Amino acid sequence: KEMADRLVEDGYLDAGYEYVNIDDCWSAKQRDSQGRLQADPDRFP
Protein backbone atom coordinates (compact mmCIF):
# COMPACT_ATOMS: atom_id res chain seq x y z
CA LYS A 1 0.00 0.00 0.00
CA GLU A 2 2.80 2.41 0.85
CA MET A 3 4.56 1.70 -2.45
CA ALA A 4 1.29 2.17 -4.31
CA ASP A 5 0.87 5.52 -2.58
CA ARG A 6 4.36 6.59 -3.60
CA LEU A 7 3.88 5.49 -7.21
CA VAL A 8 0.89 7.78 -7.47
CA GLU A 9 1.90 10.73 -5.32
CA ASP A 10 5.51 11.00 -6.52
CA GLY A 11 4.75 10.96 -10.23
CA TYR A 12 5.73 7.42 -11.18
CA LEU A 13 2.26 6.43 -12.38
CA ASP A 14 2.03 9.52 -14.56
CA ALA A 15 5.41 8.57 -16.06
CA GLY A 16 4.20 5.05 -16.91
CA TYR A 17 5.02 2.89 -13.86
CA GLU A 18 1.62 1.26 -13.35
CA TYR A 19 2.23 -2.15 -11.72
CA VAL A 20 2.89 -2.74 -8.03
CA ASN A 21 4.05 -6.33 -7.75
CA ILE A 22 4.16 -8.79 -4.88
CA ASP A 23 6.96 -11.35 -5.12
CA ASP A 24 7.67 -14.52 -3.09
CA CYS A 25 6.73 -15.16 0.55
CA TRP A 26 3.28 -13.54 0.49
CA SER A 27 1.21 -16.68 1.04
CA ALA A 28 0.36 -18.89 3.96
CA LYS A 29 2.29 -22.12 4.26
CA GLN A 30 -0.80 -24.17 3.45
CA ARG A 31 -3.60 -23.92 0.94
CA ASP A 32 -7.15 -23.50 2.20
CA SER A 33 -9.69 -26.33 2.57
CA GLN A 34 -10.65 -25.98 -1.12
CA GLY A 35 -7.06 -26.23 -2.30
CA ARG A 36 -6.64 -22.53 -3.04
CA LEU A 37 -3.67 -20.36 -2.21
CA GLN A 38 -4.28 -17.94 0.62
CA ALA A 39 -2.39 -14.92 1.87
CA ASP A 40 -0.52 -15.06 5.16
CA PRO A 41 -3.24 -13.98 7.61
CA ASP A 42 -0.92 -11.97 9.85
CA ARG A 43 0.91 -10.02 7.16
CA PHE A 44 -2.03 -9.68 4.73
CA PRO A 45 -5.03 -9.64 7.08
All heavy atoms as atom14 arrays in JSON, in Angstrom:
{
  "sequence": "KEMADRLVEDGYLDAGYEYVNIDDCWSAKQRDSQGRLQADPDRFP",
  "atom14_mask": [
    [1, 1, 1, 1, 1, 1, 1, 1, 1, 0, 0, 0, 0, 0],
    [1, 1, 1, 1, 1, 1, 1, 1, 1, 0, 0, 0, 0, 0],
    [1, 1, 1, 1, 1, 1, 1, 1, 0, 0, 0, 0, 0, 0],
    [1, 1, 1, 1, 1, 0, 0, 0, 0, 0, 0, 0, 0, 0],
    [1, 1, 1, 1, 1, 1, 1, 1, 0, 0, 0, 0, 0, 0],
    [1, 1, 1, 1, 1, 1, 1, 1, 1, 1, 1, 0, 0, 0],
    [1, 1, 1, 1, 1, 1, 1, 1, 0, 0, 0, 0, 0, 0],
    [1, 1, 1, 1, 1, 1, 1, 0, 0, 0, 0, 0, 0, 0],
    [1, 1, 1, 1, 1, 1, 1, 1, 1, 0, 0, 0, 0, 0],
    [1, 1, 1, 1, 1, 1, 1, 1, 0, 0, 0, 0, 0, 0],
    [1, 1, 1, 1, 0, 0, 0, 0, 0, 0, 0, 0, 0, 0],
    [1, 1, 1, 1, 1, 1, 1, 1, 1, 1, 1, 1, 0, 0],
    [1, 1, 1, 1, 1, 1, 1, 1, 0, 0, 0, 0, 0, 0],
    [1, 1, 1, 1, 1, 1, 1, 1, 0, 0, 0, 0, 0, 0],
    [1, 1, 1, 1, 1, 0, 0, 0, 0, 0, 0, 0, 0, 0],
    [1, 1, 1, 1, 0, 0, 0, 0, 0, 0, 0, 0, 0, 0],
    [1, 1, 1, 1, 1, 1, 1, 1, 1, 1, 1, 1, 0, 0],
    [1, 1, 1, 1, 1, 1, 1, 1, 1, 0, 0, 0, 0, 0],
    [1, 1, 1, 1, 1, 1, 1, 1, 1, 1, 1, 1, 0, 0],
    [1, 1, 1, 1, 1, 1, 1, 0, 0, 0, 0, 0, 0, 0],
    [1, 1, 1, 1, 1, 1, 1, 1, 0, 0, 0, 0, 0, 0],
    [1, 1, 1, 1, 1, 1, 1, 1, 0, 0, 0, 0, 0, 0],
    [1, 1, 1, 1, 1, 1, 1, 1, 0, 0, 0, 0, 0, 0],
    [1, 1, 1, 1, 1, 1, 1, 1, 0, 0, 0, 0, 0, 0],
    [1, 1, 1, 1, 1, 1, 0, 0, 0, 0, 0, 0, 0, 0],
    [1, 1, 1, 1, 1, 1, 1, 1, 1, 1, 1, 1, 1, 1],
    [1, 1, 1, 1, 1, 1, 0, 0, 0, 0, 0, 0, 0, 0],
    [1, 1, 1, 1, 1, 0, 0, 0, 0, 0, 0, 0, 0, 0],
    [1, 1, 1, 1, 1, 1, 1, 1, 1, 0, 0, 0, 0, 0],
    [1, 1, 1, 1, 1, 1, 1, 1, 1, 0, 0, 0, 0, 0],
    [1, 1, 1, 1, 1, 1, 1, 1, 1, 1, 1, 0, 0, 0],
    [1, 1, 1, 1, 1, 1, 1, 1, 0, 0, 0, 0, 0, 0],
    [1, 1, 1, 1, 1, 1, 0, 0, 0, 0, 0, 0, 0, 0],
    [1, 1, 1, 1, 1, 1, 1, 1, 1, 0, 0, 0, 0, 0],
    [1, 1, 1, 1, 0, 0, 0, 0, 0, 0, 0, 0, 0, 0],
    [1, 1, 1, 1, 1, 1, 1, 1, 1, 1, 1, 0, 0, 0],
    [1, 1, 1, 1, 1, 1, 1, 1, 0, 0, 0, 0, 0, 0],
    [1, 1, 1, 1, 1, 1, 1, 1, 1, 0, 0, 0, 0, 0],
    [1, 1, 1, 1, 1, 0, 0, 0, 0, 0, 0, 0, 0, 0],
    [1, 1, 1, 1, 1, 1, 1, 1, 0, 0, 0, 0, 0, 0],
    [1, 1, 1, 1, 1, 1, 1, 0, 0, 0, 0, 0, 0, 0],
    [1, 1, 1, 1, 1, 1, 1, 1, 0, 0, 0, 0, 0, 0],
    [1, 1, 1, 1, 1, 1, 1, 1, 1, 1, 1, 0, 0, 0],
    [1, 1, 1, 1, 1, 1, 1, 1, 1, 1, 1, 0, 0, 0],
    [1, 1, 1, 1, 1, 1, 1, 0, 0, 0, 0, 0, 0, 0]
  ],
  "atom14_positions": [
    [[0.83, -1.2, 0.0], [0.0, 0.0, 0.0], [0.87, 1.25, 0.0], [0.58, 2.23, -0.72], [-0.93, -0.01, 1.21], [-2.09, -0.98, 1.11], [-2.97, -0.91, 2.36], [-4.18, -1.83, 2.25], [-5.03, -1.75, 3.47], [0.0, 0.0, 0.0], [0.0, 0.0, 0.0], [0.0, 0.0, 0.0], [0.0, 0.0, 0.0], [0.0, 0.0, 0.0]],
    [[1.93, 1.24, 0.8], [2.8, 2.41, 0.85], [3.51, 2.63, -0.49], [3.65, 3.78, -0.95], [3.82, 2.26, 1.97], [3.21, 2.39, 3.36], [4.25, 2.47, 4.45], [5.44, 2.22, 4.18], [3.89, 2.82, 5.6], [0.0, 0.0, 0.0], [0.0, 0.0, 0.0], [0.0, 0.0, 0.0], [0.0, 0.0, 0.0], [0.0, 0.0, 0.0]],
    [[3.93, 1.55, -1.14], [4.56, 1.7, -2.45], [3.56, 2.17, -3.49], [3.88, 2.98, -4.37], [5.23, 0.4, -2.88], [6.4, 0.01, -2.01], [7.68, 1.32, -1.89], [8.63, 0.7, -0.51], [0.0, 0.0, 0.0], [0.0, 0.0, 0.0], [0.0, 0.0, 0.0], [0.0, 0.0, 0.0], [0.0, 0.0, 0.0], [0.0, 0.0, 0.0]],
    [[2.34, 1.69, -3.41], [1.29, 2.17, -4.31], [1.07, 3.67, -4.11], [0.94, 4.44, -5.08], [-0.01, 1.4, -4.08], [0.0, 0.0, 0.0], [0.0, 0.0, 0.0], [0.0, 0.0, 0.0], [0.0, 0.0, 0.0], [0.0, 0.0, 0.0], [0.0, 0.0, 0.0], [0.0, 0.0, 0.0], [0.0, 0.0, 0.0], [0.0, 0.0, 0.0]],
    [[1.03, 4.1, -2.86], [0.87, 5.52, -2.58], [1.99, 6.34, -3.21], [1.75, 7.4, -3.8], [0.85, 5.77, -1.07], [-0.35, 5.15, -0.37], [-1.33, 4.8, -1.07], [-0.3, 5.03, 0.87], [0.0, 0.0, 0.0], [0.0, 0.0, 0.0], [0.0, 0.0, 0.0], [0.0, 0.0, 0.0], [0.0, 0.0, 0.0], [0.0, 0.0, 0.0]],
    [[3.21, 5.86, -3.08], [4.36, 6.59, -3.6], [4.34, 6.62, -5.15], [4.7, 7.63, -5.75], [5.67, 5.98, -3.11], [5.87, 6.06, -1.6], [6.47, 7.4, -1.16], [5.73, 8.57, -1.52], [4.66, 9.04, -0.85], [4.22, 8.4, 0.23], [4.05, 10.15, -1.23], [0.0, 0.0, 0.0], [0.0, 0.0, 0.0], [0.0, 0.0, 0.0]],
    [[3.95, 5.51, -5.75], [3.88, 5.49, -7.21], [2.96, 6.58, -7.74], [3.25, 7.24, -8.74], [3.4, 4.13, -7.71], [4.4, 2.97, -7.64], [3.71, 1.65, -7.94], [5.55, 3.18, -8.61], [0.0, 0.0, 0.0], [0.0, 0.0, 0.0], [0.0, 0.0, 0.0], [0.0, 0.0, 0.0], [0.0, 0.0, 0.0], [0.0, 0.0, 0.0]],
    [[1.86, 6.78, -7.04], [0.89, 7.78, -7.47], [1.34, 9.19, -7.09], [1.39, 10.1, -7.93], [-0.49, 7.47, -6.89], [-1.48, 8.59, -7.22], [-1.01, 6.14, -7.42], [0.0, 0.0, 0.0], [0.0, 0.0, 0.0], [0.0, 0.0, 0.0], [0.0, 0.0, 0.0], [0.0, 0.0, 0.0], [0.0, 0.0, 0.0], [0.0, 0.0, 0.0]],
    [[1.67, 9.37, -5.83], [1.9, 10.73, -5.32], [3.22, 11.33, -5.78], [3.36, 12.56, -5.85], [1.83, 10.71, -3.78], [0.44, 10.37, -3.26], [0.41, 10.15, -1.75], [1.31, 10.68, -1.08], [-0.5, 9.45, -1.28], [0.0, 0.0, 0.0], [0.0, 0.0, 0.0], [0.0, 0.0, 0.0], [0.0, 0.0, 0.0], [0.0, 0.0, 0.0]],
    [[4.2, 10.48, -6.13], [5.51, 11.0, -6.52], [5.72, 11.02, -8.03], [6.85, 11.24, -8.49], [6.62, 10.19, -5.85], [6.59, 10.35, -4.33], [5.96, 11.31, -3.85], [7.18, 9.51, -3.63], [0.0, 0.0, 0.0], [0.0, 0.0, 0.0], [0.0, 0.0, 0.0], [0.0, 0.0, 0.0], [0.0, 0.0, 0.0], [0.0, 0.0, 0.0]],
    [[4.68, 10.77, -8.8], [4.75, 10.96, -10.23], [5.11, 9.74, -11.06], [5.17, 9.82, -12.29], [0.0, 0.0, 0.0], [0.0, 0.0, 0.0], [0.0, 0.0, 0.0], [0.0, 0.0, 0.0], [0.0, 0.0, 0.0], [0.0, 0.0, 0.0], [0.0, 0.0, 0.0], [0.0, 0.0, 0.0], [0.0, 0.0, 0.0], [0.0, 0.0, 0.0]],
    [[5.33, 8.6, -10.42], [5.73, 7.42, -11.18], [4.59, 6.91, -12.08], [4.83, 6.53, -13.23], [6.19, 6.3, -10.23], [7.43, 6.63, -9.45], [7.34, 7.11, -8.13], [8.69, 6.47, -10.0], [8.48, 7.41, -7.41], [9.83, 6.77, -9.28], [9.73, 7.25, -7.99], [10.85, 7.55, -7.27], [0.0, 0.0, 0.0], [0.0, 0.0, 0.0]],
    [[3.38, 6.9, -11.56], [2.26, 6.43, -12.38], [2.09, 7.32, -13.6], [1.93, 6.81, -14.72], [0.97, 6.41, -11.55], [-0.31, 6.06, -12.34], [-0.21, 4.68, -12.99], [-1.53, 6.14, -11.43], [0.0, 0.0, 0.0], [0.0, 0.0, 0.0], [0.0, 0.0, 0.0], [0.0, 0.0, 0.0], [0.0, 0.0, 0.0], [0.0, 0.0, 0.0]],
    [[2.15, 8.61, -13.42], [2.03, 9.52, -14.56], [3.13, 9.28, -15.6], [2.92, 9.49, -16.79], [2.08, 10.98, -14.1], [0.82, 11.4, -13.36], [-0.22, 10.72, -13.51], [0.87, 12.42, -12.63], [0.0, 0.0, 0.0], [0.0, 0.0, 0.0], [0.0, 0.0, 0.0], [0.0, 0.0, 0.0], [0.0, 0.0, 0.0], [0.0, 0.0, 0.0]],
    [[4.29, 8.83, -15.14], [5.41, 8.57, -16.06], [5.29, 7.22, -16.75], [6.04, 6.96, -17.7], [6.73, 8.65, -15.3], [0.0, 0.0, 0.0], [0.0, 0.0, 0.0], [0.0, 0.0, 0.0], [0.0, 0.0, 0.0], [0.0, 0.0, 0.0], [0.0, 0.0, 0.0], [0.0, 0.0, 0.0], [0.0, 0.0, 0.0], [0.0, 0.0, 0.0]],
    [[4.39, 6.34, -16.27], [4.2, 5.05, -16.91], [4.36, 3.83, -16.03], [4.07, 2.71, -16.44], [0.0, 0.0, 0.0], [0.0, 0.0, 0.0], [0.0, 0.0, 0.0], [0.0, 0.0, 0.0], [0.0, 0.0, 0.0], [0.0, 0.0, 0.0], [0.0, 0.0, 0.0], [0.0, 0.0, 0.0], [0.0, 0.0, 0.0], [0.0, 0.0, 0.0]],
    [[4.83, 4.02, -14.78], [5.02, 2.89, -13.86], [3.66, 2.55, -13.24], [3.22, 3.19, -12.29], [6.01, 3.26, -12.76], [7.41, 3.56, -13.24], [7.79, 4.86, -13.55], [8.35, 2.55, -13.37], [9.08, 5.16, -13.98], [9.66, 2.83, -13.8], [10.01, 4.14, -14.1], [11.29, 4.43, -14.53], [0.0, 0.0, 0.0], [0.0, 0.0, 0.0]],
    [[3.01, 1.51, -13.74], [1.62, 1.26, -13.35], [1.42, -0.01, -12.53], [0.35, -0.19, -11.93], [0.73, 1.2, -14.58], [1.08, 0.1, -15.58], [0.14, 0.07, -16.77], [-0.98, 0.61, -16.66], [0.51, -0.51, -17.81], [0.0, 0.0, 0.0], [0.0, 0.0, 0.0], [0.0, 0.0, 0.0], [0.0, 0.0, 0.0], [0.0, 0.0, 0.0]],
    [[2.39, -0.9, -12.48], [2.23, -2.15, -11.72], [2.91, -2.04, -10.36], [4.02, -1.53, -10.25], [2.85, -3.33, -12.47], [2.09, -3.75, -13.71], [2.37, -3.19, -14.94], [1.08, -4.71, -13.63], [1.68, -3.57, -16.08], [0.38, -5.1, -14.76], [0.68, -4.52, -15.98], [-0.01, -4.9, -17.11], [0.0, 0.0, 0.0], [0.0, 0.0, 0.0]],
    [[2.24, -2.55, -9.33], [2.89, -2.74, -8.03], [2.82, -4.25, -7.76], [1.73, -4.81, -7.65], [2.23, -1.91, -6.91], [0.73, -2.14, -6.8], [2.91, -2.15, -5.57], [0.0, 0.0, 0.0], [0.0, 0.0, 0.0], [0.0, 0.0, 0.0], [0.0, 0.0, 0.0], [0.0, 0.0, 0.0], [0.0, 0.0, 0.0], [0.0, 0.0, 0.0]],
    [[3.98, -4.88, -7.67], [4.05, -6.33, -7.75], [4.57, -6.99, -6.48], [5.66, -6.68, -6.0], [4.97, -6.75, -8.91], [4.32, -6.53, -10.27], [3.24, -5.97, -10.36], [4.99, -6.96, -11.31], [0.0, 0.0, 0.0], [0.0, 0.0, 0.0], [0.0, 0.0, 0.0], [0.0, 0.0, 0.0], [0.0, 0.0, 0.0], [0.0, 0.0, 0.0]],
    [[3.77, -7.91, -5.98], [4.16, -8.79, -4.88], [5.08, -9.86, -5.44], [4.86, -10.37, -6.54], [2.92, -9.45, -4.26], [1.89, -8.39, -3.83], [3.3, -10.35, -3.11], [0.53, -8.98, -3.49], [0.0, 0.0, 0.0], [0.0, 0.0, 0.0], [0.0, 0.0, 0.0], [0.0, 0.0, 0.0], [0.0, 0.0, 0.0], [0.0, 0.0, 0.0]],
    [[6.11, -10.23, -4.71], [6.96, -11.35, -5.12], [6.78, -12.5, -4.11], [5.69, -12.63, -3.52], [8.41, -10.9, -5.25], [9.19, -11.73, -6.27], [9.7, -12.8, -5.89], [9.27, -11.32, -7.44], [0.0, 0.0, 0.0], [0.0, 0.0, 0.0], [0.0, 0.0, 0.0], [0.0, 0.0, 0.0], [0.0, 0.0, 0.0], [0.0, 0.0, 0.0]],
    [[7.78, -13.3, -3.91], [7.67, -14.52, -3.09], [7.36, -14.17, -1.63], [7.51, -13.05, -1.18], [8.98, -15.29, -3.2], [8.84, -16.77, -2.83], [7.75, -17.18, -2.41], [9.84, -17.5, -3.01], [0.0, 0.0, 0.0], [0.0, 0.0, 0.0], [0.0, 0.0, 0.0], [0.0, 0.0, 0.0], [0.0, 0.0, 0.0], [0.0, 0.0, 0.0]],
    [[6.91, -15.2, -0.9], [6.73, -15.16, 0.55], [5.49, -14.39, 1.0], [5.4, -13.96, 2.16], [7.97, -14.59, 1.24], [9.51, -15.41, 0.76], [0.0, 0.0, 0.0], [0.0, 0.0, 0.0], [0.0, 0.0, 0.0], [0.0, 0.0, 0.0], [0.0, 0.0, 0.0], [0.0, 0.0, 0.0], [0.0, 0.0, 0.0], [0.0, 0.0, 0.0]],
    [[4.52, -14.24, 0.12], [3.28, -13.54, 0.49], [2.23, -14.49, 1.05], [1.31, -14.06, 1.75], [2.69, -12.83, -0.73], [2.3, -13.76, -1.86], [3.08, -14.14, -2.91], [1.05, -14.43, -2.04], [2.41, -15.01, -3.73], [1.15, -15.19, -3.22], [-0.14, -14.46, -1.31], [0.11, -15.99, -3.7], [-1.19, -15.25, -1.78], [-1.05, -16.0, -2.95]],
    [[2.33, -15.77, 0.75], [1.21, -16.68, 1.04], [1.37, -17.36, 2.39], [2.43, -17.34, 3.02], [1.09, -17.73, -0.06], [2.08, -18.74, 0.08], [0.0, 0.0, 0.0], [0.0, 0.0, 0.0], [0.0, 0.0, 0.0], [0.0, 0.0, 0.0], [0.0, 0.0, 0.0], [0.0, 0.0, 0.0], [0.0, 0.0, 0.0], [0.0, 0.0, 0.0]],
    [[0.3, -17.98, 2.81], [0.36, -18.89, 3.96], [1.13, -20.14, 3.56], [1.31, -20.42, 2.37], [-1.05, -19.24, 4.43], [0.0, 0.0, 0.0], [0.0, 0.0, 0.0], [0.0, 0.0, 0.0], [0.0, 0.0, 0.0], [0.0, 0.0, 0.0], [0.0, 0.0, 0.0], [0.0, 0.0, 0.0], [0.0, 0.0, 0.0], [0.0, 0.0, 0.0]],
    [[1.53, -20.91, 4.53], [2.29, -22.12, 4.26], [1.41, -23.28, 3.77], [1.93, -24.28, 3.26], [3.06, -22.56, 5.5], [4.28, -21.7, 5.82], [5.42, -21.96, 4.83], [6.7, -21.28, 5.28], [7.85, -21.62, 4.42], [0.0, 0.0, 0.0], [0.0, 0.0, 0.0], [0.0, 0.0, 0.0], [0.0, 0.0, 0.0], [0.0, 0.0, 0.0]],
    [[0.11, -23.13, 3.93], [-0.8, -24.17, 3.45], [-1.9, -23.55, 2.61], [-2.28, -22.39, 2.79], [-1.44, -24.92, 4.62], [-0.48, -25.72, 5.48], [0.18, -24.87, 6.54], [-0.41, -23.88, 7.0], [1.39, -25.23, 6.93], [0.0, 0.0, 0.0], [0.0, 0.0, 0.0], [0.0, 0.0, 0.0], [0.0, 0.0, 0.0], [0.0, 0.0, 0.0]],
    [[-2.42, -24.33, 1.69], [-3.6, -23.92, 0.94], [-4.84, -24.04, 1.83], [-4.8, -24.69, 2.88], [-3.76, -24.81, -0.31], [-2.67, -24.56, -1.35], [-2.72, -25.54, -2.51], [-1.71, -25.17, -3.51], [-1.92, -24.39, -4.55], [-3.16, -23.93, -4.78], [-0.95, -24.07, -5.38], [0.0, 0.0, 0.0], [0.0, 0.0, 0.0], [0.0, 0.0, 0.0]],
    [[-5.94, -23.43, 1.4], [-7.15, -23.5, 2.2], [-7.85, -24.84, 1.99], [-7.36, -25.72, 1.26], [-8.08, -22.32, 1.92], [-8.71, -22.35, 0.53], [-8.65, -23.38, -0.16], [-9.28, -21.3, 0.12], [0.0, 0.0, 0.0], [0.0, 0.0, 0.0], [0.0, 0.0, 0.0], [0.0, 0.0, 0.0], [0.0, 0.0, 0.0], [0.0, 0.0, 0.0]],
    [[-8.99, -25.04, 2.6], [-9.69, -26.33, 2.57], [-10.16, -26.7, 1.17], [-10.44, -27.86, 0.89], [-10.9, -26.29, 3.52], [-11.8, -25.26, 3.13], [0.0, 0.0, 0.0], [0.0, 0.0, 0.0], [0.0, 0.0, 0.0], [0.0, 0.0, 0.0], [0.0, 0.0, 0.0], [0.0, 0.0, 0.0], [0.0, 0.0, 0.0], [0.0, 0.0, 0.0]],
    [[-10.25, -25.71, 0.26], [-10.65, -25.98, -1.12], [-9.45, -26.04, -2.07], [-9.63, -26.08, -3.29], [-11.62, -24.89, -1.59], [-12.94, -24.9, -0.8], [-13.87, -23.79, -1.27], [-13.6, -22.61, -1.05], [-14.95, -24.18, -1.92], [0.0, 0.0, 0.0], [0.0, 0.0, 0.0], [0.0, 0.0, 0.0], [0.0, 0.0, 0.0], [0.0, 0.0, 0.0]],
    [[-8.27, -26.08, -1.49], [-7.06, -26.23, -2.3], [-6.56, -24.95, -2.93], [-5.69, -24.98, -3.81], [0.0, 0.0, 0.0], [0.0, 0.0, 0.0], [0.0, 0.0, 0.0], [0.0, 0.0, 0.0], [0.0, 0.0, 0.0], [0.0, 0.0, 0.0], [0.0, 0.0, 0.0], [0.0, 0.0, 0.0], [0.0, 0.0, 0.0], [0.0, 0.0, 0.0]],
    [[-7.05, -23.81, -2.46], [-6.64, -22.53, -3.04], [-5.51, -21.9, -2.23], [-5.45, -22.06, -1.01], [-7.83, -21.58, -3.09], [-8.94, -22.03, -4.02], [-10.15, -21.12, -3.92], [-10.67, -21.07, -2.54], [-11.84, -20.56, -2.21], [-12.62, -20.04, -3.15], [-12.23, -20.55, -0.94], [0.0, 0.0, 0.0], [0.0, 0.0, 0.0], [0.0, 0.0, 0.0]],
    [[-4.66, -21.16, -2.91], [-3.67, -20.36, -2.21], [-4.37, -19.33, -1.35], [-5.46, -18.85, -1.68], [-2.74, -19.65, -3.22], [-1.79, -20.54, -4.02], [-1.14, -19.73, -5.13], [-0.73, -21.17, -3.12], [0.0, 0.0, 0.0], [0.0, 0.0, 0.0], [0.0, 0.0, 0.0], [0.0, 0.0, 0.0], [0.0, 0.0, 0.0], [0.0, 0.0, 0.0]],
    [[-3.73, -18.97, -0.25], [-4.28, -17.94, 0.62], [-3.14, -17.09, 1.16], [-2.02, -17.57, 1.36], [-5.09, -18.55, 1.77], [-4.33, -19.59, 2.58], [-5.21, -20.28, 3.61], [-6.25, -19.75, 4.0], [-4.8, -21.45, 4.06], [0.0, 0.0, 0.0], [0.0, 0.0, 0.0], [0.0, 0.0, 0.0], [0.0, 0.0, 0.0], [0.0, 0.0, 0.0]],
    [[-3.42, -15.82, 1.36], [-2.39, -14.92, 1.87], [-2.1, -15.22, 3.33], [-2.96, -15.7, 4.08], [-2.85, -13.47, 1.71], [0.0, 0.0, 0.0], [0.0, 0.0, 0.0], [0.0, 0.0, 0.0], [0.0, 0.0, 0.0], [0.0, 0.0, 0.0], [0.0, 0.0, 0.0], [0.0, 0.0, 0.0], [0.0, 0.0, 0.0], [0.0, 0.0, 0.0]],
    [[-0.87, -14.93, 3.74], [-0.52, -15.06, 5.16], [-1.48, -14.18, 5.97], [-1.56, -12.97, 5.73], [0.92, -14.62, 5.37], [1.35, -14.76, 6.81], [1.02, -13.85, 7.62], [1.99, -15.77, 7.15], [0.0, 0.0, 0.0], [0.0, 0.0, 0.0], [0.0, 0.0, 0.0], [0.0, 0.0, 0.0], [0.0, 0.0, 0.0], [0.0, 0.0, 0.0]],
    [[-2.2, -14.74, 6.93], [-3.24, -13.98, 7.61], [-2.71, -12.88, 8.53], [-3.44, -11.92, 8.81], [-3.98, -15.05, 8.42], [-2.98, -16.15, 8.62], [-2.15, -16.16, 7.37], [0.0, 0.0, 0.0], [0.0, 0.0, 0.0], [0.0, 0.0, 0.0], [0.0, 0.0, 0.0], [0.0, 0.0, 0.0], [0.0, 0.0, 0.0], [0.0, 0.0, 0.0]],
    [[-1.48, -13.0, 8.98], [-0.92, -11.97, 9.85], [-0.37, -10.79, 9.06], [-0.52, -9.63, 9.48], [0.18, -12.57, 10.73], [-0.34, -13.64, 11.67], [-1.46, -13.45, 12.2], [0.35, -14.66, 11.86], [0.0, 0.0, 0.0], [0.0, 0.0, 0.0], [0.0, 0.0, 0.0], [0.0, 0.0, 0.0], [0.0, 0.0, 0.0], [0.0, 0.0, 0.0]],
    [[0.26, -11.08, 7.93], [0.91, -10.02, 7.16], [-0.02, -9.41, 6.1], [0.19, -8.29, 5.65], [2.18, -10.56, 6.52], [3.25, -10.92, 7.56], [4.54, -11.44, 6.96], [4.41, -12.79, 6.43], [4.51, -13.11, 5.16], [4.69, -12.17, 4.25], [4.39, -14.37, 4.77], [0.0, 0.0, 0.0], [0.0, 0.0, 0.0], [0.0, 0.0, 0.0]],
    [[-1.03, -10.17, 5.69], [-2.03, -9.68, 4.73], [-3.43, -9.94, 5.3], [-4.21, -10.72, 4.73], [-1.87, -10.38, 3.38], [-0.59, -10.07, 2.66], [0.59, -10.77, 2.95], [-0.55, -9.07, 1.69], [1.77, -10.47, 2.28], [0.63, -8.77, 1.01], [1.79, -9.47, 1.31], [0.0, 0.0, 0.0], [0.0, 0.0, 0.0], [0.0, 0.0, 0.0]],
    [[-3.76, -9.32, 6.42], [-5.03, -9.64, 7.08], [-6.26, -9.3, 6.25], [-7.32, -9.92, 6.42], [-4.98, -8.8, 8.36], [-4.03, -7.7, 8.06], [-3.0, -8.3, 7.17], [0.0, 0.0, 0.0], [0.0, 0.0, 0.0], [0.0, 0.0, 0.0], [0.0, 0.0, 0.0], [0.0, 0.0, 0.0], [0.0, 0.0, 0.0], [0.0, 0.0, 0.0]]
  ]
}
